[in-house]
C-alpha atoms as a PDB file:
ATOM      1  CA  LEU A   1     111.268  99.484  58.844  1.00  0.00           C
ATOM      2  CA  THR A   2     108.493  98.376  56.537  1.00  0.00           C
ATOM      3  CA  SER A   3     106.835 101.774  56.930  1.00  0.00           C
ATOM      4  CA  ALA A   4     110.070 103.335  55.694  1.00  0.00           C
ATOM      5  CA  ARG A   5     110.009 100.907  52.762  1.00  0.00           C
ATOM      6  CA  TRP A   6     106.364 101.700  51.944  1.00  0.00           C
ATOM      7  CA  ASN A   7     107.377 105.406  51.919  1.00  0.00           C
ATOM      8  CA  ASN A   8     110.328 104.670  49.581  1.00  0.00           C
ATOM      9  CA  ARG A   9     112.867 105.813  52.168  1.00  0.00           C
ATOM     10  CA  VAL A  10     114.763 102.509  51.983  1.00  0.00           C
ATOM     11  CA  ASP A  11     114.935  99.767  49.359  1.00  0.00           C
ATOM     12  CA  TRP A  12     113.935  96.122  49.805  1.00  0.00           C
ATOM     13  CA  LEU A  13     117.590  95.045  50.009  1.00  0.00           C
ATOM     14  CA  ALA A  14     118.074  97.244  53.080  1.00  0.00           C
ATOM     15  CA  VAL A  15     114.932  95.780  54.645  1.00  0.00           C
ATOM     16  CA  LEU A  16     116.058  92.202  53.977  1.00  0.00           C
ATOM     17  CA  ARG A  17     119.569  92.935  55.249  1.00  0.00           C
ATOM     18  CA  SER A  18     118.222  94.448  58.449  1.00  0.00           C
ATOM     19  CA  TRP A  19     115.777  91.573  59.008  1.00  0.00           C
ATOM     20  CA  THR A  20     118.521  89.001  58.388  1.00  0.00           C
ATOM     21  CA  PHE A  21     120.992  90.567  60.831  1.00  0.00           C
ATOM     22  CA  ALA A  22     118.279  91.108  63.446  1.00  0.00           C
ATOM     23  CA  TRP A  23     117.021  87.514  63.062  1.00  0.00           C
ATOM     24  CA  LEU A  24     120.500  86.005  63.316  1.00  0.00           C
ATOM     25  CA  GLY A  25     121.550  88.298  66.171  1.00  0.00           C
ATOM     26  CA  ASN A  26     118.394  87.474  68.115  1.00  0.00           C
ATOM     27  CA  PHE A  27     118.922  83.756  67.483  1.00  0.00           C
ATOM     28  CA  ILE A  28     122.489  83.925  68.813  1.00  0.00           C
ATOM     29  CA  GLY A  29     121.322  85.914  71.841  1.00  0.00           C
ATOM     30  CA  ALA A  30     118.422  83.533  72.527  1.00  0.00           C
ATOM     31  CA  LEU A  31     120.717  80.504  72.356  1.00  0.00           C
ATOM     32  CA  PHE A  32     123.216  82.214  74.664  1.00  0.00           C
ATOM     33  CA  VAL A  33     120.556  82.998  77.269  1.00  0.00           C
ATOM     34  CA  ALA A  34     118.935  79.555  76.963  1.00  0.00           C
ATOM     35  CA  TYR A  35     122.225  77.722  77.400  1.00  0.00           C
ATOM     36  CA  PHE A  36     124.389  79.849  79.687  1.00  0.00           C
ATOM     37  CA  LEU A  37     121.833  81.672  81.811  1.00  0.00           C
ATOM     38  CA  VAL A  38     119.156  78.986  82.102  1.00  0.00           C
ATOM     39  CA  TRP A  39     120.298  75.445  81.276  1.00  0.00           C
ATOM     40  CA  ALA A  40     123.904  75.644  82.502  1.00  0.00           C
ATOM     41  CA  THR A  41     122.884  77.330  85.750  1.00  0.00           C
ATOM     42  CA  GLY A  42     120.223  74.720  86.503  1.00  0.00           C
ATOM     43  CA  ILE A  43     117.724  77.478  87.204  1.00  0.00           C
ATOM     44  CA  ILE A  44     114.901  75.630  85.439  1.00  0.00           C
ATOM     45  CA  PHE A  45     115.524  72.178  86.912  1.00  0.00           C
ATOM     46  CA  GLU A  46     117.142  70.623  89.921  1.00  0.00           C
ATOM     47  CA  LYS A  47     120.710  69.504  89.285  1.00  0.00           C
ATOM     48  CA  VAL A  48     120.420  67.291  92.347  1.00  0.00           C
ATOM     49  CA  PRO A  49     117.049  65.520  92.518  1.00  0.00           C
ATOM     50  CA  SER A  50     115.038  66.099  95.635  1.00  0.00           C
ATOM     51  CA  ALA A  51     114.374  63.296  98.111  1.00  0.00           C
ATOM     52  CA  ALA A  52     111.281  62.367  96.126  1.00  0.00           C
ATOM     53  CA  GLY A  53     113.285  62.472  92.892  1.00  0.00           C
ATOM     54  CA  ALA A  54     110.860  64.906  91.288  1.00  0.00           C
ATOM     55  CA  ALA A  55     112.079  67.404  88.710  1.00  0.00           C
ATOM     56  CA  MET A  56     110.903  70.975  88.751  1.00  0.00           C
ATOM     57  CA  PRO A  57     107.644  71.326  86.816  1.00  0.00           C
ATOM     58  CA  TRP A  58     108.993  73.998  84.476  1.00  0.00           C
ATOM     59  CA  ALA A  59     111.327  71.557  82.749  1.00  0.00           C
ATOM     60  CA  GLU A  60     108.451  69.255  81.822  1.00  0.00           C
ATOM     61  CA  GLY A  61     106.393  72.236  80.689  1.00  0.00           C
ATOM     62  CA  LEU A  62     109.193  73.487  78.442  1.00  0.00           C
ATOM     63  CA  VAL A  63     109.573  70.060  76.837  1.00  0.00           C
ATOM     64  CA  LYS A  64     105.825  70.030  76.116  1.00  0.00           C
ATOM     65  CA  LEU A  65     106.017  73.587  74.802  1.00  0.00           C
ATOM     66  CA  ALA A  66     108.845  72.716  72.377  1.00  0.00           C
ATOM     67  CA  ASN A  67     106.938  69.640  71.179  1.00  0.00           C
ATOM     68  CA  GLY A  68     103.750  71.631  70.733  1.00  0.00           C
ATOM     69  CA  LYS A  69     105.382  74.478  68.834  1.00  0.00           C
ATOM     70  CA  THR A  70     107.055  72.071  66.392  1.00  0.00           C
ATOM     71  CA  SER A  71     103.860  70.017  65.932  1.00  0.00           C
ATOM     72  CA  LEU A  72     101.869  72.844  64.354  1.00  0.00           C
ATOM     73  CA  SER A  73     101.063  72.756  60.662  1.00  0.00           C
ATOM     74  CA  PHE A  74     102.723  75.381  58.485  1.00  0.00           C
ATOM     75  CA  GLY A  75      99.443  77.273  58.255  1.00  0.00           C
ATOM     76  CA  GLU A  76      98.810  77.188  62.004  1.00  0.00           C
ATOM     77  CA  ALA A  77     102.305  78.488  62.793  1.00  0.00           C
ATOM     78  CA  PHE A  78     102.073  81.111  60.031  1.00  0.00           C
ATOM     79  CA  TRP A  79      98.708  82.525  61.119  1.00  0.00           C
ATOM     80  CA  ARG A  80      99.673  82.455  64.787  1.00  0.00           C
ATOM     81  CA  GLY A  81     102.779  84.405  63.709  1.00  0.00           C
ATOM     82  CA  VAL A  82     100.601  86.943  61.880  1.00  0.00           C
ATOM     83  CA  GLY A  83      98.443  87.484  64.955  1.00  0.00           C
ATOM     84  CA  CYS A  84     101.444  87.693  67.224  1.00  0.00           C
ATOM     85  CA  ASN A  85     103.351  90.387  65.401  1.00  0.00           C
ATOM     86  CA  TRP A  86     100.158  92.252  64.611  1.00  0.00           C
ATOM     87  CA  LEU A  87      99.705  92.611  68.371  1.00  0.00           C
ATOM     88  CA  VAL A  88     103.395  93.296  69.050  1.00  0.00           C
ATOM     89  CA  CYS A  89     103.617  96.048  66.436  1.00  0.00           C
ATOM     90  CA  LEU A  90     100.282  97.448  67.560  1.00  0.00           C
ATOM     91  CA  ALA A  91     101.767  97.675  71.068  1.00  0.00           C
ATOM     92  CA  VAL A  92     104.716  99.653  69.703  1.00  0.00           C
ATOM     93  CA  TYR A  93     102.455 102.043  67.769  1.00  0.00           C
ATOM     94  CA  LEU A  94     100.205 102.489  70.809  1.00  0.00           C
ATOM     95  CA  SER A  95     103.198 103.214  73.049  1.00  0.00           C
ATOM     96  CA  TYR A  96     104.336 105.955  70.666  1.00  0.00           C
ATOM     97  CA  ALA A  97     100.879 107.513  70.911  1.00  0.00           C
ATOM     98  CA  ALA A  98     100.872 107.521  74.728  1.00  0.00           C
ATOM     99  CA  LYS A  99     102.035 110.738  76.362  1.00  0.00           C
ATOM    100  CA  ASP A 100     103.207 109.468  79.767  1.00  0.00           C
ATOM    101  CA  ILE A 101     105.084 106.468  81.143  1.00  0.00           C
ATOM    102  CA  ALA A 102     101.986 104.808  82.613  1.00  0.00           C
ATOM    103  CA  GLY A 103     100.228 105.067  79.260  1.00  0.00           C
ATOM    104  CA  LYS A 104     103.241 103.621  77.452  1.00  0.00           C
ATOM    105  CA  ILE A 105     103.430 100.695  79.881  1.00  0.00           C
ATOM    106  CA  LEU A 106      99.731  99.920  79.465  1.00  0.00           C
ATOM    107  CA  ALA A 107      99.977 100.283  75.691  1.00  0.00           C
ATOM    108  CA  LEU A 108     102.803  97.736  75.601  1.00  0.00           C
ATOM    109  CA  TRP A 109     101.395  95.422  78.280  1.00  0.00           C
ATOM    110  CA  PHE A 110      97.943  94.498  77.000  1.00  0.00           C
ATOM    111  CA  PRO A 111      98.726  93.530  73.376  1.00  0.00           C
ATOM    112  CA  THR A 112     101.847  91.659  74.500  1.00  0.00           C
ATOM    113  CA  MET A 113      99.995  89.738  77.189  1.00  0.00           C
ATOM    114  CA  ALA A 114      97.213  89.003  74.692  1.00  0.00           C
ATOM    115  CA  PHE A 115      99.606  87.306  72.236  1.00  0.00           C
ATOM    116  CA  VAL A 116     101.197  85.298  75.040  1.00  0.00           C
ATOM    117  CA  ALA A 117      97.849  84.276  76.554  1.00  0.00           C
ATOM    118  CA  MET A 118      96.474  83.213  73.160  1.00  0.00           C
ATOM    119  CA  GLY A 119      99.524  81.086  72.350  1.00  0.00           C
ATOM    120  CA  MET A 120     100.618  83.042  69.297  1.00  0.00           C
ATOM    121  CA  GLU A 121     103.965  82.320  67.628  1.00  0.00           C
ATOM    122  CA  HIS A 122     106.836  84.799  67.858  1.00  0.00           C
ATOM    123  CA  CYS A 123     109.959  83.611  66.082  1.00  0.00           C
ATOM    124  CA  ILE A 124     112.333  85.368  68.485  1.00  0.00           C
ATOM    125  CA  ALA A 125     110.645  83.972  71.601  1.00  0.00           C
ATOM    126  CA  ASN A 126     110.644  80.531  69.977  1.00  0.00           C
ATOM    127  CA  MET A 127     114.395  80.832  69.361  1.00  0.00           C
ATOM    128  CA  PHE A 128     114.671  80.668  73.152  1.00  0.00           C
ATOM    129  CA  PHE A 129     111.895  78.280  74.174  1.00  0.00           C
ATOM    130  CA  ILE A 130     112.355  75.520  71.587  1.00  0.00           C
ATOM    131  CA  PRO A 131     116.141  75.103  72.032  1.00  0.00           C
ATOM    132  CA  LEU A 132     115.708  75.212  75.810  1.00  0.00           C
ATOM    133  CA  GLY A 133     113.076  72.482  75.515  1.00  0.00           C
ATOM    134  CA  MET A 134     115.533  70.510  73.386  1.00  0.00           C
ATOM    135  CA  MET A 135     118.239  70.921  76.048  1.00  0.00           C
ATOM    136  CA  LEU A 136     115.771  69.562  78.589  1.00  0.00           C
ATOM    137  CA  GLY A 137     115.025  66.467  76.509  1.00  0.00           C
ATOM    138  CA  ALA A 138     112.364  67.385  73.956  1.00  0.00           C
ATOM    139  CA  PRO A 139     112.632  64.980  71.001  1.00  0.00           C
ATOM    140  CA  VAL A 140     112.896  67.875  68.552  1.00  0.00           C
ATOM    141  CA  THR A 141     115.684  68.267  66.004  1.00  0.00           C
ATOM    142  CA  ALA A 142     117.185  71.520  64.790  1.00  0.00           C
ATOM    143  CA  ALA A 143     115.591  70.830  61.389  1.00  0.00           C
ATOM    144  CA  ASP A 144     112.177  70.377  63.088  1.00  0.00           C
ATOM    145  CA  MET A 145     112.617  73.672  64.909  1.00  0.00           C
ATOM    146  CA  VAL A 146     113.526  75.608  61.768  1.00  0.00           C
ATOM    147  CA  ALA A 147     111.163  74.010  59.236  1.00  0.00           C
ATOM    148  CA  ALA A 148     108.153  73.389  61.475  1.00  0.00           C
ATOM    149  CA  ASN A 149     108.244  76.605  63.467  1.00  0.00           C
ATOM    150  CA  LEU A 150     110.833  79.284  62.777  1.00  0.00           C
ATOM    151  CA  VAL A 151     110.216  79.562  59.025  1.00  0.00           C
ATOM    152  CA  PRO A 152     106.403  79.791  59.174  1.00  0.00           C
ATOM    153  CA  ALA A 153     106.420  81.888  62.361  1.00  0.00           C
ATOM    154  CA  THR A 154     108.969  84.300  60.875  1.00  0.00           C
ATOM    155  CA  LEU A 155     106.977  84.677  57.659  1.00  0.00           C
ATOM    156  CA  GLY A 156     103.822  85.205  59.716  1.00  0.00           C
ATOM    157  CA  ASN A 157     105.581  87.762  61.921  1.00  0.00           C
ATOM    158  CA  ILE A 158     106.707  89.637  58.798  1.00  0.00           C
ATOM    159  CA  ALA A 159     103.179  89.629  57.393  1.00  0.00           C
ATOM    160  CA  GLY A 160     101.580  90.607  60.712  1.00  0.00           C
ATOM    161  CA  GLY A 161     103.956  93.477  61.413  1.00  0.00           C
ATOM    162  CA  GLY A 162     104.952  94.547  57.928  1.00  0.00           C
ATOM    163  CA  ILE A 163     101.646  94.282  56.124  1.00  0.00           C
ATOM    164  CA  PHE A 164      98.841  94.332  58.686  1.00  0.00           C
ATOM    165  CA  VAL A 165     100.374  97.076  60.820  1.00  0.00           C
ATOM    166  CA  GLY A 166     103.107  98.876  58.856  1.00  0.00           C
ATOM    167  CA  GLY A 167     101.333  98.587  55.507  1.00  0.00           C
ATOM    168  CA  LEU A 168      97.932  99.450  56.909  1.00  0.00           C
ATOM    169  CA  TYR A 169      99.231 102.519  58.786  1.00  0.00           C
ATOM    170  CA  TRP A 170     101.135 103.601  55.685  1.00  0.00           C
ATOM    171  CA  TYR A 171      98.024 103.227  53.539  1.00  0.00           C
ATOM    172  CA  LEU A 172      95.790 105.100  55.982  1.00  0.00           C
ATOM    173  CA  ASN A 173      98.311 107.944  56.460  1.00  0.00           C
ATOM    174  CA  ARG A 174      99.785 108.297  52.954  1.00  0.00           C
ATOM    175  CA  LYS A 175      99.856 111.713  51.354  1.00  0.00           C
END
């Protein structure tokens, strides 16, 4: 969408409207999946403790993940967001360039796995992981989630995808 904006095919209001609806729609979807398909089904933890009373390790990991993501400074979350969406949008551009399915899969796989492996911040993924961590007992408030992670990660994602990929490709390919 930012490439269309850089080429004057849409105005900034259309970009902001699209981003807002996509952000809110993804947030609603992430909360739905986190609550109904994960937490309410008990898929991530044992509803009935085992004989040893041990919880499944994923629940503890998700609590730590939510705490970690909301403990970042604004700058850390922002720059991790830049790197994340830079890689995500690069994956999309690379997949368009690939001619066959195997090439498209590889083009999407490596940049996506790189951002996950490096611990980058993706606002949409965090809309799932942080609330799920909260449901599992992370001492994180909704205000913490939004102010400490979603705002800086979202701004970083916009910069990474819109400027460092969309803007750069527009600049290099302008007529």
